[in-house]
Structures are given as C-alpha cells and as structure tokens.
C-alpha atoms as a PDB file:
ATOM      1  CA  MET A   1     156.734   1.440 229.646  1.00  0.00           C
ATOM      2  CA  PRO A   2     153.280   0.279 229.588  1.00  0.00           C
ATOM      3  CA  MET A   3     151.739  -2.309 227.185  1.00  0.00           C
ATOM      4  CA  THR A   4     148.130  -3.495 226.772  1.00  0.00           C
ATOM      5  CA  VAL A   5     146.581  -6.416 225.517  1.00  0.00           C
ATOM      6  CA  ALA A   6     143.493  -4.981 224.442  1.00  0.00           C
ATOM      7  CA  GLU A   7     141.692  -7.396 222.732  1.00  0.00           C
ATOM      8  CA  VAL A   8     141.865 -11.561 222.773  1.00  0.00           C
ATOM      9  CA  ARG A   9     139.757 -13.137 220.382  1.00  0.00           C
ATOM     10  CA  ALA A  10     139.050 -17.206 219.802  1.00  0.00           C
ATOM     11  CA  GLN A  11     137.173 -18.464 216.823  1.00  0.00           C
ATOM     12  CA  ASN A  12     137.834 -21.192 214.387  1.00  0.00           C
ATOM     13  CA  ALA A  13     140.099 -22.817 217.025  1.00  0.00           C
ATOM     14  CA  ARG A  14     142.732 -19.771 216.127  1.00  0.00           C
ATOM     15  CA  GLY A  15     142.497 -16.171 217.961  1.00  0.00           C
ATOM     16  CA  ILE A  16     143.918 -13.090 217.761  1.00  0.00           C
ATOM     17  CA  VAL A  17     145.905 -11.158 220.754  1.00  0.00           C
ATOM     18  CA  ARG A  18     146.235  -6.832 219.578  1.00  0.00           C
ATOM     19  CA  GLY A  19     147.830  -4.631 221.568  1.00  0.00           C
ATOM     20  CA  ALA A  20     149.320  -1.804 221.638  1.00  0.00           C
ATOM     21  CA  VAL A  21     152.376  -0.414 223.872  1.00  0.00           C
ATOM     22  CA  ARG A  22     152.902   3.427 225.239  1.00  0.00           C
ATOM     23  CA  ASP A  23     155.957   5.347 227.164  1.00  0.00           C
ATOM     24  CA  ALA A  24     154.402   7.515 229.881  1.00  0.00           C
ATOM     25  CA  THR A  25     153.854  10.459 226.681  1.00  0.00           C
ATOM     26  CA  SER A  26     153.341   9.211 223.219  1.00  0.00           C
ATOM     27  CA  ALA A  27     153.304   5.261 221.404  1.00  0.00           C
ATOM     28  CA  THR A  28     155.894   3.747 220.772  1.00  0.00           C
ATOM     29  CA  PRO A  29     157.329   2.724 217.224  1.00  0.00           C
ATOM     30  CA  GLY A  30     159.548  -0.187 216.580  1.00  0.00           C
ATOM     31  CA  ALA A  31     159.003  -1.638 219.745  1.00  0.00           C
ATOM     32  CA  ASP A  32     159.656  -5.707 219.228  1.00  0.00           C
ATOM     33  CA  VAL A  33     156.695  -8.048 220.480  1.00  0.00           C
ATOM     34  CA  THR A  34     157.278 -11.502 221.528  1.00  0.00           C
ATOM     35  CA  LEU A  35     154.480 -13.585 222.497  1.00  0.00           C
ATOM     36  CA  VAL A  36     154.799 -17.018 223.508  1.00  0.00           C
ATOM     37  CA  ASN A  37     152.952 -20.053 224.198  1.00  0.00           C
ATOM     38  CA  GLU A  38     153.774 -21.054 227.671  1.00  0.00           C
ATOM     39  CA  ASP A  39     153.138 -24.635 227.688  1.00  0.00           C
ATOM     40  CA  THR A  40     155.185 -25.520 224.188  1.00  0.00           C
ATOM     41  CA  GLY A  41     157.718 -22.250 224.802  1.00  0.00           C
ATOM     42  CA  VAL A  42     156.916 -21.186 221.130  1.00  0.00           C
ATOM     43  CA  ALA A  43     157.422 -17.982 220.336  1.00  0.00           C
ATOM     44  CA  GLN A  44     156.612 -15.046 217.902  1.00  0.00           C
ATOM     45  CA  GLU A  45     157.282 -12.353 217.617  1.00  0.00           C
ATOM     46  CA  THR A  46     156.465  -8.750 216.072  1.00  0.00           C
ATOM     47  CA  THR A  47     157.256  -5.061 215.846  1.00  0.00           C
ATOM     48  CA  THR A  48     155.210  -2.431 216.408  1.00  0.00           C
ATOM     49  CA  ASN A  49     153.865   0.049 214.208  1.00  0.00           C
ATOM     50  CA  GLY A  50     154.203   3.717 213.849  1.00  0.00           C
ATOM     51  CA  THR A  51     150.253   3.834 216.528  1.00  0.00           C
ATOM     52  CA  GLY A  52     152.263   1.565 219.068  1.00  0.00           C
ATOM     53  CA  GLU A  53     150.309  -1.132 217.931  1.00  0.00           C
ATOM     54  CA  TYR A  54     150.927  -5.093 217.461  1.00  0.00           C
ATOM     55  CA  VAL A  55     148.601  -7.818 216.887  1.00  0.00           C
ATOM     56  CA  PHE A  56     149.035 -11.717 216.359  1.00  0.00           C
ATOM     57  CA  ALA A  57     147.131 -13.342 213.878  1.00  0.00           C
ATOM     58  CA  GLY A  58     146.184 -17.280 214.174  1.00  0.00           C
ATOM     59  CA  ILE A  59     146.532 -18.253 217.327  1.00  0.00           C
ATOM     60  CA  ALA A  60     146.369 -21.921 218.838  1.00  0.00           C
ATOM     61  CA  PRO A  61     144.302 -21.431 222.016  1.00  0.00           C
ATOM     62  CA  GLY A  62     146.225 -21.264 225.602  1.00  0.00           C
ATOM     63  CA  ILE A  63     147.945 -19.525 227.586  1.00  0.00           C
ATOM     64  CA  TYR A  64     150.827 -17.060 226.330  1.00  0.00           C
ATOM     65  CA  THR A  65     153.532 -14.867 227.335  1.00  0.00           C
ATOM     66  CA  VAL A  66     154.155 -11.394 226.033  1.00  0.00           C
ATOM     67  CA  ARG A  67     156.864  -9.413 226.244  1.00  0.00           C
ATOM     68  CA  ALA A  68     157.445  -5.566 225.093  1.00  0.00           C
ATOM     69  CA  ALA A  69     161.011  -4.782 224.083  1.00  0.00           C
ATOM     70  CA  VAL A  70     162.877  -1.215 223.223  1.00  0.00           C
ATOM     71  CA  ALA A  71     166.066   0.032 223.727  1.00  0.00           C
ATOM     72  CA  GLY A  72     166.706   2.044 226.660  1.00  0.00           C
ATOM     73  CA  PHE A  73     163.443   0.933 228.594  1.00  0.00           C
ATOM     74  CA  LYS A  74     162.647  -1.750 230.918  1.00  0.00           C
ATOM     75  CA  THR A  75     161.063  -5.352 229.184  1.00  0.00           C
ATOM     76  CA  ALA A  76     157.299  -4.973 230.062  1.00  0.00           C
ATOM     77  CA  GLU A  77     155.415  -8.815 230.464  1.00  0.00           C
ATOM     78  CA  SER A  78     151.849  -9.517 230.153  1.00  0.00           C
ATOM     79  CA  ARG A  79     151.647 -13.430 231.545  1.00  0.00           C
ATOM     80  CA  ASN A  80     148.318 -15.608 231.688  1.00  0.00           C
ATOM     81  CA  THR A  81     146.987 -14.066 228.784  1.00  0.00           C
ATOM     82  CA  ARG A  82     144.463 -16.999 227.738  1.00  0.00           C
ATOM     83  CA  VAL A  83     142.852 -16.445 223.652  1.00  0.00           C
END
C-alpha cells in the first residue's frame, strides 16, 4: 500500500503534514494514519477521507514518522519527515 507525504510546511512555528494513501489501483478511504514525533514519542491519529487524503495541522517543528494502516494490507511507514 503506497503512501505519500505530499506536503510538509512550517509557518509561525507550526506546520502541516498532508498526504494520501492509495492501493495499487485507487484511493484508500478509511485508512488509519498516525503521526509520531520521533524525539518525544507523542502521536496523533487521523483517518483518510473519501479520496484517501489526510491532513495533520498545527504540528510543532521536528522529525516525524507517518504510518498508515488498513485491514488486509501491510502497514506503510515513512520515517524522517521533517516539519
């Protein structure tokens, strides 16, 4: 299950992590996406929308791991995402 982190922005000491979760043929709505600060271990969770997209807003600067999980698929992970 491919996952992309499409945008990482930081302004005013806060950032946005935005991306999409897709299988081989289409978007994956309802995927559980977790954003983990690699320094603190603090995690935030969201679920992809109907087009497989997700957004984490108001993110403190740091290095993050993004994980996406859907029943029946291997969990996808992207490490070292800088905000």
